[in-house]
Amino acid sequence: MQYGQQKINGSWYFFDKNSGRMKTGFQEIKGQNKTVYYNTQGKMQYGQQYINGSWYLFDEKSGAMKTGFQEIKDQNKTVYYNNQGKMQYGLQKINGKEYYFDKFSGAMATGKITIDGKTYDFSSNVQNTWGWPFPSIGQGSFTGAQLFGVNPGGGFRTNGFHDGLDFGSYDHPGSSVHAVHGGTVTRVSYTPGLEHYVVVKSDDGYNIVYQEAFSNRGNIKVSVGQKIKTGDVIGYRNTSHLHLGITREQNIDKAIANSFNNNDTWLNPLSVIKNGIANQK
């Protein structure tokens, strides 16, 4: 008799660790920090699934249930799954900001729309708004070494200075890395230390760097010249953390050269995002 997770004939199953009984339905895999779903035959499910009257989305590789904003590329739409993994519809308030999702498809609206006789303008969701890279978590929490600047635990860095904010896979779970601000992708590249990274230049003068989250180019889903809006998926994190850097230095190479210099080249992402969100309300 077998127990725990077992791969049988190409499918994953889960058996009770005490009785060996095959499990079905939603199951929390604590050791892997994920919730998955096994159908009535006990097979782990992937992708979009309609379960008990609601749509859910499970990672195509790990089967992990997804939450927050997600891009459904083959249907050309962005949708939102709540903390229970259910797709949301209609008018929703998320992290203090109003969004509208089509009542049938769940697609997020990005323009003007009339709801019950009242006109809403969701075009502000496009460029100059701010958000968090893992929207279902929001701000979340950080330890000293993850924070911007000079903090306890960060002494291993040159000058003890951290030029950005680290969103760990443990404290900020989720694979989809979302744009914190709109703009144009100006660089998709690789540099040791930054690893595979993306630079987005905003219309209001910021260069935003998404780095250390992608172990390979294939995990980055944007390309140079692409216009993106707040909440769009930059790529899929498959490392221990996302490092987010924000600077007003227009020469990004100059900014990168000052990564370990506490000379005001780099801004505190936590403050920039929090202030940006506060000004949207």
C-alpha atoms as a PDB file:
ATOM      1  CA  MET A   1       0.000   0.000   0.000  1.00  0.00           C
ATOM      2  CA  GLN A   2       1.223   3.491  -0.891  1.00  0.00           C
ATOM      3  CA  TYR A   3       0.840   6.767   1.013  1.00  0.00           C
ATOM      4  CA  GLY A   4       1.122  10.478   0.275  1.00  0.00           C
ATOM      5  CA  GLN A   5       1.688  11.815  -3.247  1.00  0.00           C
ATOM      6  CA  GLN A   6       2.196   9.171  -5.914  1.00  0.00           C
ATOM      7  CA  LYS A   7       2.660   9.489  -9.679  1.00  0.00           C
ATOM      8  CA  ILE A   8       0.857   6.644 -11.412  1.00  0.00           C
ATOM      9  CA  ASN A   9       0.617   6.240 -15.202  1.00  0.00           C
ATOM     10  CA  GLY A  10       1.450   9.907 -15.753  1.00  0.00           C
ATOM     11  CA  SER A  11      -0.986  11.360 -13.191  1.00  0.00           C
ATOM     12  CA  TRP A  12      -0.497  12.531  -9.620  1.00  0.00           C
ATOM     13  CA  TYR A  13      -2.636  11.024  -6.852  1.00  0.00           C
ATOM     14  CA  PHE A  14      -2.743  11.642  -3.104  1.00  0.00           C
ATOM     15  CA  PHE A  15      -3.235   8.915  -0.495  1.00  0.00           C
ATOM     16  CA  ASP A  16      -3.940   9.463   3.190  1.00  0.00           C
ATOM     17  CA  LYS A  17      -0.716   9.116   5.159  1.00  0.00           C
ATOM     18  CA  ASN A  18      -2.420   6.936   7.778  1.00  0.00           C
ATOM     19  CA  SER A  19      -5.147   4.921   6.051  1.00  0.00           C
ATOM     20  CA  GLY A  20      -3.809   4.976   2.490  1.00  0.00           C
ATOM     21  CA  ARG A  21      -7.244   6.034   1.239  1.00  0.00           C
ATOM     22  CA  MET A  22      -7.206   7.937  -2.060  1.00  0.00           C
ATOM     23  CA  LYS A  23      -8.161  11.590  -1.652  1.00  0.00           C
ATOM     24  CA  THR A  24     -10.289  13.693  -3.985  1.00  0.00           C
ATOM     25  CA  GLY A  25     -11.328  17.347  -4.132  1.00  0.00           C
ATOM     26  CA  PHE A  26      -9.295  20.274  -2.814  1.00  0.00           C
ATOM     27  CA  GLN A  27      -6.234  19.277  -0.831  1.00  0.00           C
ATOM     28  CA  GLU A  28      -3.551  21.370   0.825  1.00  0.00           C
ATOM     29  CA  ILE A  29      -0.015  20.123   0.199  1.00  0.00           C
ATOM     30  CA  LYS A  30       1.648  21.775   3.175  1.00  0.00           C
ATOM     31  CA  GLY A  31       5.190  20.767   2.356  1.00  0.00           C
ATOM     32  CA  GLN A  32       4.899  22.518  -1.008  1.00  0.00           C
ATOM     33  CA  ASN A  33       2.799  25.481   0.173  1.00  0.00           C
ATOM     34  CA  LYS A  34       0.036  24.905  -2.375  1.00  0.00           C
ATOM     35  CA  THR A  35      -3.598  23.880  -2.720  1.00  0.00           C
ATOM     36  CA  VAL A  36      -4.433  21.441  -5.512  1.00  0.00           C
ATOM     37  CA  TYR A  37      -7.518  19.628  -6.778  1.00  0.00           C
ATOM     38  CA  TYR A  38      -8.033  15.927  -7.445  1.00  0.00           C
ATOM     39  CA  ASN A  39     -11.051  14.896  -9.533  1.00  0.00           C
ATOM     40  CA  THR A  40     -13.420  12.057  -8.640  1.00  0.00           C
ATOM     41  CA  GLN A  41     -10.928   9.582 -10.148  1.00  0.00           C
ATOM     42  CA  GLY A  42      -8.228  10.987  -7.873  1.00  0.00           C
ATOM     43  CA  LYS A  43      -6.187  12.655 -10.634  1.00  0.00           C
ATOM     44  CA  MET A  44      -4.604  16.073 -10.007  1.00  0.00           C
ATOM     45  CA  GLN A  45      -6.121  18.732 -12.278  1.00  0.00           C
ATOM     46  CA  TYR A  46      -4.441  21.564 -14.192  1.00  0.00           C
ATOM     47  CA  GLY A  47      -5.443  24.737 -16.030  1.00  0.00           C
ATOM     48  CA  GLN A  48      -8.980  26.126 -15.941  1.00  0.00           C
ATOM     49  CA  GLN A  49     -11.473  23.914 -14.137  1.00  0.00           C
ATOM     50  CA  TYR A  50     -15.203  24.377 -13.472  1.00  0.00           C
ATOM     51  CA  ILE A  51     -15.896  23.001  -9.990  1.00  0.00           C
ATOM     52  CA  ASN A  52     -19.193  23.190  -8.105  1.00  0.00           C
ATOM     53  CA  GLY A  53     -20.417  26.175 -10.096  1.00  0.00           C
ATOM     54  CA  SER A  54     -17.202  28.236 -10.043  1.00  0.00           C
ATOM     55  CA  TRP A  55     -14.170  28.598 -12.295  1.00  0.00           C
ATOM     56  CA  TYR A  56     -10.723  27.948 -10.831  1.00  0.00           C
ATOM     57  CA  LEU A  57      -7.224  28.060 -12.314  1.00  0.00           C
ATOM     58  CA  PHE A  58      -4.463  25.579 -11.481  1.00  0.00           C
ATOM     59  CA  ASP A  59      -0.827  25.915 -12.512  1.00  0.00           C
ATOM     60  CA  GLU A  60      -0.104  23.915 -15.671  1.00  0.00           C
ATOM     61  CA  LYS A  61       3.020  22.368 -14.139  1.00  0.00           C
ATOM     62  CA  SER A  62       2.562  22.152 -10.367  1.00  0.00           C
ATOM     63  CA  GLY A  63      -1.239  22.049 -10.156  1.00  0.00           C
ATOM     64  CA  ALA A  64      -1.138  24.835  -7.544  1.00  0.00           C
ATOM     65  CA  MET A  65      -4.402  26.773  -7.284  1.00  0.00           C
ATOM     66  CA  LYS A  66      -3.930  30.356  -8.445  1.00  0.00           C
ATOM     67  CA  THR A  67      -5.406  33.465  -6.854  1.00  0.00           C
ATOM     68  CA  GLY A  68      -5.399  37.178  -7.653  1.00  0.00           C
ATOM     69  CA  PHE A  69      -5.141  38.700 -11.124  1.00  0.00           C
ATOM     70  CA  GLN A  70      -4.344  36.169 -13.829  1.00  0.00           C
ATOM     71  CA  GLU A  71      -3.930  36.556 -17.572  1.00  0.00           C
ATOM     72  CA  ILE A  72      -5.783  33.946 -19.665  1.00  0.00           C
ATOM     73  CA  LYS A  73      -3.764  34.377 -22.823  1.00  0.00           C
ATOM     74  CA  ASP A  74      -5.689  32.077 -25.153  1.00  0.00           C
ATOM     75  CA  GLN A  75      -8.866  34.014 -24.314  1.00  0.00           C
ATOM     76  CA  ASN A  76      -7.168  37.438 -24.370  1.00  0.00           C
ATOM     77  CA  LYS A  77      -8.455  38.485 -20.955  1.00  0.00           C
ATOM     78  CA  THR A  78      -7.347  39.280 -17.416  1.00  0.00           C
ATOM     79  CA  VAL A  79      -9.503  37.813 -14.649  1.00  0.00           C
ATOM     80  CA  TYR A  80      -9.424  37.752 -10.859  1.00  0.00           C
ATOM     81  CA  TYR A  81      -9.616  34.798  -8.480  1.00  0.00           C
ATOM     82  CA  ASN A  82     -10.385  35.469  -4.804  1.00  0.00           C
ATOM     83  CA  ASN A  83      -8.494  33.940  -1.879  1.00  0.00           C
ATOM     84  CA  GLN A  84     -10.609  30.780  -2.241  1.00  0.00           C
ATOM     85  CA  GLY A  85      -9.564  30.533  -5.893  1.00  0.00           C
ATOM     86  CA  LYS A  86     -12.996  31.387  -7.345  1.00  0.00           C
ATOM     87  CA  MET A  87     -13.238  33.619 -10.424  1.00  0.00           C
ATOM     88  CA  GLN A  88     -14.976  36.903  -9.605  1.00  0.00           C
ATOM     89  CA  TYR A  89     -17.555  38.840 -11.595  1.00  0.00           C
ATOM     90  CA  GLY A  90     -19.154  42.282 -11.608  1.00  0.00           C
ATOM     91  CA  LEU A  91     -17.983  45.240  -9.537  1.00  0.00           C
ATOM     92  CA  GLN A  92     -15.223  44.305  -7.076  1.00  0.00           C
ATOM     93  CA  LYS A  93     -13.114  46.336  -4.650  1.00  0.00           C
ATOM     94  CA  ILE A  94      -9.582  44.931  -4.490  1.00  0.00           C
ATOM     95  CA  ASN A  95      -6.880  46.479  -2.309  1.00  0.00           C
ATOM     96  CA  GLY A  96      -8.940  49.661  -2.053  1.00  0.00           C
ATOM     97  CA  LYS A  97      -9.511  50.030  -5.803  1.00  0.00           C
ATOM     98  CA  GLU A  98     -12.652  49.306  -7.844  1.00  0.00           C
ATOM     99  CA  TYR A  99     -12.567  46.939 -10.807  1.00  0.00           C
ATOM    100  CA  TYR A 100     -15.275  45.519 -13.026  1.00  0.00           C
ATOM    101  CA  PHE A 101     -15.258  41.974 -14.381  1.00  0.00           C
ATOM    102  CA  ASP A 102     -17.647  40.846 -17.112  1.00  0.00           C
ATOM    103  CA  LYS A 103     -20.613  38.981 -15.609  1.00  0.00           C
ATOM    104  CA  PHE A 104     -20.241  36.113 -18.061  1.00  0.00           C
ATOM    105  CA  SER A 105     -16.541  35.813 -18.973  1.00  0.00           C
ATOM    106  CA  GLY A 106     -14.942  37.413 -15.909  1.00  0.00           C
ATOM    107  CA  ALA A 107     -12.796  39.621 -18.195  1.00  0.00           C
ATOM    108  CA  MET A 108     -11.524  42.786 -16.503  1.00  0.00           C
ATOM    109  CA  ALA A 109     -12.834  46.038 -18.005  1.00  0.00           C
ATOM    110  CA  THR A 110     -10.292  48.757 -18.844  1.00  0.00           C
ATOM    111  CA  GLY A 111     -12.522  51.509 -20.253  1.00  0.00           C
ATOM    112  CA  LYS A 112     -15.804  53.264 -19.568  1.00  0.00           C
ATOM    113  CA  ILE A 113     -18.769  51.080 -18.693  1.00  0.00           C
ATOM    114  CA  THR A 114     -22.302  51.766 -17.458  1.00  0.00           C
ATOM    115  CA  ILE A 115     -23.507  49.705 -14.506  1.00  0.00           C
ATOM    116  CA  ASP A 116     -27.093  50.106 -13.286  1.00  0.00           C
ATOM    117  CA  GLY A 117     -27.320  53.517 -14.928  1.00  0.00           C
ATOM    118  CA  LYS A 118     -24.020  54.792 -13.500  1.00  0.00           C
ATOM    119  CA  THR A 119     -20.968  55.278 -15.707  1.00  0.00           C
ATOM    120  CA  TYR A 120     -17.598  54.113 -14.388  1.00  0.00           C
ATOM    121  CA  ASP A 121     -14.257  54.860 -15.994  1.00  0.00           C
ATOM    122  CA  PHE A 122     -11.828  51.979 -15.575  1.00  0.00           C
ATOM    123  CA  SER A 123      -9.301  53.385 -18.047  1.00  0.00           C
ATOM    124  CA  SER A 124      -7.331  54.566 -14.991  1.00  0.00           C
ATOM    125  CA  ASN A 125      -6.466  50.893 -14.530  1.00  0.00           C
ATOM    126  CA  VAL A 126      -4.219  51.183 -17.545  1.00  0.00           C
ATOM    127  CA  GLN A 127      -1.117  53.320 -17.020  1.00  0.00           C
ATOM    128  CA  ASN A 128      -0.439  55.551 -14.033  1.00  0.00           C
ATOM    129  CA  THR A 129      -1.961  53.515 -11.232  1.00  0.00           C
ATOM    130  CA  TRP A 130       0.109  51.472  -8.800  1.00  0.00           C
ATOM    131  CA  GLY A 131      -0.313  47.971  -7.475  1.00  0.00           C
ATOM    132  CA  TRP A 132       1.536  45.058  -5.911  1.00  0.00           C
ATOM    133  CA  PRO A 133       3.388  42.374  -7.897  1.00  0.00           C
ATOM    134  CA  PHE A 134       1.384  39.666  -6.115  1.00  0.00           C
ATOM    135  CA  PRO A 135      -2.070  41.313  -5.915  1.00  0.00           C
ATOM    136  CA  SER A 136      -3.780  38.572  -3.920  1.00  0.00           C
ATOM    137  CA  ILE A 137      -1.237  39.136  -1.126  1.00  0.00           C
ATOM    138  CA  GLY A 138      -1.032  42.906  -1.424  1.00  0.00           C
ATOM    139  CA  GLN A 139       1.708  44.538   0.617  1.00  0.00           C
ATOM    140  CA  GLY A 140       2.296  41.495   2.770  1.00  0.00           C
ATOM    141  CA  SER A 141       5.187  41.384   5.225  1.00  0.00           C
ATOM    142  CA  PHE A 142       8.967  41.544   4.912  1.00  0.00           C
ATOM    143  CA  THR A 143      11.996  40.745   7.057  1.00  0.00           C
ATOM    144  CA  GLY A 144      14.864  43.195   7.477  1.00  0.00           C
ATOM    145  CA  ALA A 145      17.051  41.727   4.750  1.00  0.00           C
ATOM    146  CA  GLN A 146      14.211  41.995   2.228  1.00  0.00           C
ATOM    147  CA  LEU A 147      13.659  45.700   2.804  1.00  0.00           C
ATOM    148  CA  PHE A 148      15.124  48.606   0.861  1.00  0.00           C
ATOM    149  CA  GLY A 149      18.152  50.423   2.269  1.00  0.00           C
ATOM    150  CA  VAL A 150      20.389  49.469   5.171  1.00  0.00           C
ATOM    151  CA  ASN A 151      18.647  47.095   7.557  1.00  0.00           C
ATOM    152  CA  PRO A 152      19.454  44.343  10.076  1.00  0.00           C
ATOM    153  CA  GLY A 153      20.255  41.120   8.249  1.00  0.00           C
ATOM    154  CA  GLY A 154      21.472  42.879   5.115  1.00  0.00           C
ATOM    155  CA  GLY A 155      25.108  43.209   6.095  1.00  0.00           C
ATOM    156  CA  PHE A 156      26.200  40.556   3.584  1.00  0.00           C
ATOM    157  CA  ARG A 157      25.635  43.050   0.756  1.00  0.00           C
ATOM    158  CA  THR A 158      28.250  45.533  -0.448  1.00  0.00           C
ATOM    159  CA  ASN A 159      27.971  48.612   1.799  1.00  0.00           C
ATOM    160  CA  GLY A 160      25.113  46.790   3.526  1.00  0.00           C
ATOM    161  CA  PHE A 161      22.780  48.511   1.047  1.00  0.00           C
ATOM    162  CA  HIS A 162      19.789  46.928  -0.705  1.00  0.00           C
ATOM    163  CA  ASP A 163      18.589  48.849  -3.767  1.00  0.00           C
ATOM    164  CA  GLY A 164      15.131  47.285  -3.930  1.00  0.00           C
ATOM    165  CA  LEU A 165      12.484  45.204  -2.209  1.00  0.00           C
ATOM    166  CA  ASP A 166      12.425  41.399  -2.184  1.00  0.00           C
ATOM    167  CA  PHE A 167       9.098  39.557  -2.425  1.00  0.00           C
ATOM    168  CA  GLY A 168       9.830  36.030  -1.208  1.00  0.00           C
ATOM    169  CA  SER A 169       8.006  32.976  -2.510  1.00  0.00           C
ATOM    170  CA  TYR A 170       7.198  32.038   1.093  1.00  0.00           C
ATOM    171  CA  ASP A 171       5.841  35.374   2.359  1.00  0.00           C
ATOM    172  CA  HIS A 172       4.420  36.415  -1.025  1.00  0.00           C
ATOM    173  CA  PRO A 173       3.311  33.114  -2.625  1.00  0.00           C
ATOM    174  CA  GLY A 174       2.247  32.873  -6.242  1.00  0.00           C
ATOM    175  CA  SER A 175       4.085  32.461  -9.523  1.00  0.00           C
ATOM    176  CA  SER A 176       2.572  35.271 -11.617  1.00  0.00           C
ATOM    177  CA  VAL A 177       4.569  38.510 -11.309  1.00  0.00           C
ATOM    178  CA  HIS A 178       2.300  41.475 -12.065  1.00  0.00           C
ATOM    179  CA  ALA A 179       3.276  44.959 -13.202  1.00  0.00           C
ATOM    180  CA  VAL A 180       3.251  47.434 -10.314  1.00  0.00           C
ATOM    181  CA  HIS A 181       2.936  50.389 -12.721  1.00  0.00           C
ATOM    182  CA  GLY A 182       2.161  50.884 -16.389  1.00  0.00           C
ATOM    183  CA  GLY A 183       4.660  51.786 -19.089  1.00  0.00           C
ATOM    184  CA  THR A 184       6.728  50.432 -21.949  1.00  0.00           C
ATOM    185  CA  VAL A 185       9.087  47.478 -21.758  1.00  0.00           C
ATOM    186  CA  THR A 186      12.526  48.842 -22.687  1.00  0.00           C
ATOM    187  CA  ARG A 187      14.726  45.886 -21.849  1.00  0.00           C
ATOM    188  CA  VAL A 188      14.547  42.118 -21.429  1.00  0.00           C
ATOM    189  CA  SER A 189      18.026  40.864 -20.694  1.00  0.00           C
ATOM    190  CA  TYR A 190      20.402  38.829 -18.548  1.00  0.00           C
ATOM    191  CA  THR A 191      23.170  40.051 -16.269  1.00  0.00           C
ATOM    192  CA  PRO A 192      24.842  38.036 -13.499  1.00  0.00           C
ATOM    193  CA  GLY A 193      23.409  39.230 -10.202  1.00  0.00           C
ATOM    194  CA  LEU A 194      20.233  40.543 -11.781  1.00  0.00           C
ATOM    195  CA  GLU A 195      19.786  37.261 -13.659  1.00  0.00           C
ATOM    196  CA  HIS A 196      17.015  37.385 -16.284  1.00  0.00           C
ATOM    197  CA  TYR A 197      15.323  40.746 -15.817  1.00  0.00           C
ATOM    198  CA  VAL A 198      12.809  43.204 -17.256  1.00  0.00           C
ATOM    199  CA  VAL A 199      12.887  47.010 -17.293  1.00  0.00           C
ATOM    200  CA  VAL A 200       9.670  49.001 -17.714  1.00  0.00           C
ATOM    201  CA  LYS A 201       9.809  52.766 -18.291  1.00  0.00           C
ATOM    202  CA  SER A 202       6.684  54.605 -17.166  1.00  0.00           C
ATOM    203  CA  ASP A 203       5.188  57.745 -18.688  1.00  0.00           C
ATOM    204  CA  ASP A 204       5.736  59.582 -15.395  1.00  0.00           C
ATOM    205  CA  GLY A 205       9.470  59.052 -15.292  1.00  0.00           C
ATOM    206  CA  TYR A 206      10.174  55.819 -13.437  1.00  0.00           C
ATOM    207  CA  ASN A 207      12.347  52.913 -14.495  1.00  0.00           C
ATOM    208  CA  ILE A 208      11.040  49.763 -12.813  1.00  0.00           C
ATOM    209  CA  VAL A 209      13.204  46.646 -12.718  1.00  0.00           C
ATOM    210  CA  TYR A 210      11.875  43.126 -12.171  1.00  0.00           C
ATOM    211  CA  GLN A 211      14.819  40.840 -11.465  1.00  0.00           C
ATOM    212  CA  GLU A 212      15.948  37.568  -9.854  1.00  0.00           C
ATOM    213  CA  ALA A 213      12.479  35.992 -10.250  1.00  0.00           C
ATOM    214  CA  PHE A 214      13.047  34.208 -13.547  1.00  0.00           C
ATOM    215  CA  SER A 215      15.521  31.356 -13.922  1.00  0.00           C
ATOM    216  CA  ASN A 216      15.230  31.468 -17.713  1.00  0.00           C
ATOM    217  CA  ARG A 217      14.028  33.725 -20.521  1.00  0.00           C
ATOM    218  CA  GLY A 218      11.014  31.502 -21.107  1.00  0.00           C
ATOM    219  CA  ASN A 219       9.497  32.570 -17.807  1.00  0.00           C
ATOM    220  CA  ILE A 220       9.368  36.195 -18.968  1.00  0.00           C
ATOM    221  CA  LYS A 221       6.176  36.884 -20.914  1.00  0.00           C
ATOM    222  CA  VAL A 222       6.722  40.455 -22.129  1.00  0.00           C
ATOM    223  CA  SER A 223       8.906  41.777 -24.932  1.00  0.00           C
ATOM    224  CA  VAL A 224      10.737  45.011 -25.699  1.00  0.00           C
ATOM    225  CA  GLY A 225       8.409  47.726 -26.987  1.00  0.00           C
ATOM    226  CA  GLN A 226       5.322  46.199 -25.413  1.00  0.00           C
ATOM    227  CA  LYS A 227       2.927  48.569 -23.646  1.00  0.00           C
ATOM    228  CA  ILE A 228       1.789  47.217 -20.310  1.00  0.00           C
ATOM    229  CA  LYS A 229      -0.674  48.346 -17.671  1.00  0.00           C
ATOM    230  CA  THR A 230      -0.772  47.892 -13.929  1.00  0.00           C
ATOM    231  CA  GLY A 231      -1.627  44.280 -13.148  1.00  0.00           C
ATOM    232  CA  ASP A 232      -0.374  42.788 -16.415  1.00  0.00           C
ATOM    233  CA  VAL A 233       1.710  39.642 -16.043  1.00  0.00           C
ATOM    234  CA  ILE A 234       5.436  40.321 -16.488  1.00  0.00           C
ATOM    235  CA  GLY A 235       6.371  36.663 -16.132  1.00  0.00           C
ATOM    236  CA  TYR A 236       6.251  33.645 -13.879  1.00  0.00           C
ATOM    237  CA  ARG A 237       8.493  33.440 -10.826  1.00  0.00           C
ATOM    238  CA  ASN A 238      10.240  30.108 -10.356  1.00  0.00           C
ATOM    239  CA  THR A 239      12.948  31.227  -7.929  1.00  0.00           C
ATOM    240  CA  SER A 240      13.042  32.097  -4.235  1.00  0.00           C
ATOM    241  CA  HIS A 241      12.059  35.741  -4.684  1.00  0.00           C
ATOM    242  CA  LEU A 242      11.337  38.726  -6.902  1.00  0.00           C
ATOM    243  CA  HIS A 243      13.633  41.724  -6.465  1.00  0.00           C
ATOM    244  CA  LEU A 244      11.816  44.927  -7.427  1.00  0.00           C
ATOM    245  CA  GLY A 245      13.828  48.080  -8.070  1.00  0.00           C
ATOM    246  CA  ILE A 246      12.469  51.564  -8.818  1.00  0.00           C
ATOM    247  CA  THR A 247      14.540  54.551  -9.948  1.00  0.00           C
ATOM    248  CA  ARG A 248      14.044  57.933 -11.600  1.00  0.00           C
ATOM    249  CA  GLU A 249      17.489  57.681 -13.188  1.00  0.00           C
ATOM    250  CA  GLN A 250      16.750  57.587 -16.915  1.00  0.00           C
ATOM    251  CA  ASN A 251      20.028  55.871 -17.781  1.00  0.00           C
ATOM    252  CA  ILE A 252      19.263  52.390 -16.502  1.00  0.00           C
ATOM    253  CA  ASP A 253      22.870  51.223 -16.915  1.00  0.00           C
ATOM    254  CA  LYS A 254      24.009  54.071 -14.682  1.00  0.00           C
ATOM    255  CA  ALA A 255      21.378  53.088 -12.127  1.00  0.00           C
ATOM    256  CA  ILE A 256      22.484  49.451 -12.181  1.00  0.00           C
ATOM    257  CA  ALA A 257      26.098  50.557 -11.701  1.00  0.00           C
ATOM    258  CA  ASN A 258      24.940  52.224  -8.467  1.00  0.00           C
ATOM    259  CA  SER A 259      23.097  49.189  -7.143  1.00  0.00           C
ATOM    260  CA  PHE A 260      25.155  49.076  -3.941  1.00  0.00           C
ATOM    261  CA  ASN A 261      25.532  52.813  -3.425  1.00  0.00           C
ATOM    262  CA  ASN A 262      23.178  54.533  -1.006  1.00  0.00           C
ATOM    263  CA  ASN A 263      23.163  57.780  -2.985  1.00  0.00           C
ATOM    264  CA  ASP A 264      19.454  58.310  -3.802  1.00  0.00           C
ATOM    265  CA  THR A 265      19.728  56.671  -7.229  1.00  0.00           C
ATOM    266  CA  TRP A 266      17.249  54.017  -6.118  1.00  0.00           C
ATOM    267  CA  LEU A 267      13.896  54.673  -4.436  1.00  0.00           C
ATOM    268  CA  ASN A 268      12.156  52.663  -1.744  1.00  0.00           C
ATOM    269  CA  PRO A 269       9.593  50.547  -3.659  1.00  0.00           C
ATOM    270  CA  LEU A 270       7.505  50.032  -0.528  1.00  0.00           C
ATOM    271  CA  SER A 271       7.047  53.781  -0.101  1.00  0.00           C
ATOM    272  CA  VAL A 272       6.552  54.499  -3.806  1.00  0.00           C
ATOM    273  CA  ILE A 273       3.848  51.853  -4.227  1.00  0.00           C
ATOM    274  CA  LYS A 274       2.059  52.650  -0.954  1.00  0.00           C
ATOM    275  CA  ASN A 275       2.007  56.381  -1.729  1.00  0.00           C
ATOM    276  CA  GLY A 276       0.896  55.712  -5.291  1.00  0.00           C
ATOM    277  CA  ILE A 277      -1.999  53.528  -4.143  1.00  0.00           C
ATOM    278  CA  ALA A 278      -2.994  56.052  -1.460  1.00  0.00           C
ATOM    279  CA  ASN A 279      -3.183  58.831  -4.059  1.00  0.00           C
ATOM    280  CA  GLN A 280      -5.499  56.732  -6.237  1.00  0.00           C
ATOM    281  CA  LYS A 281      -8.222  56.522  -3.588  1.00  0.00           C
END
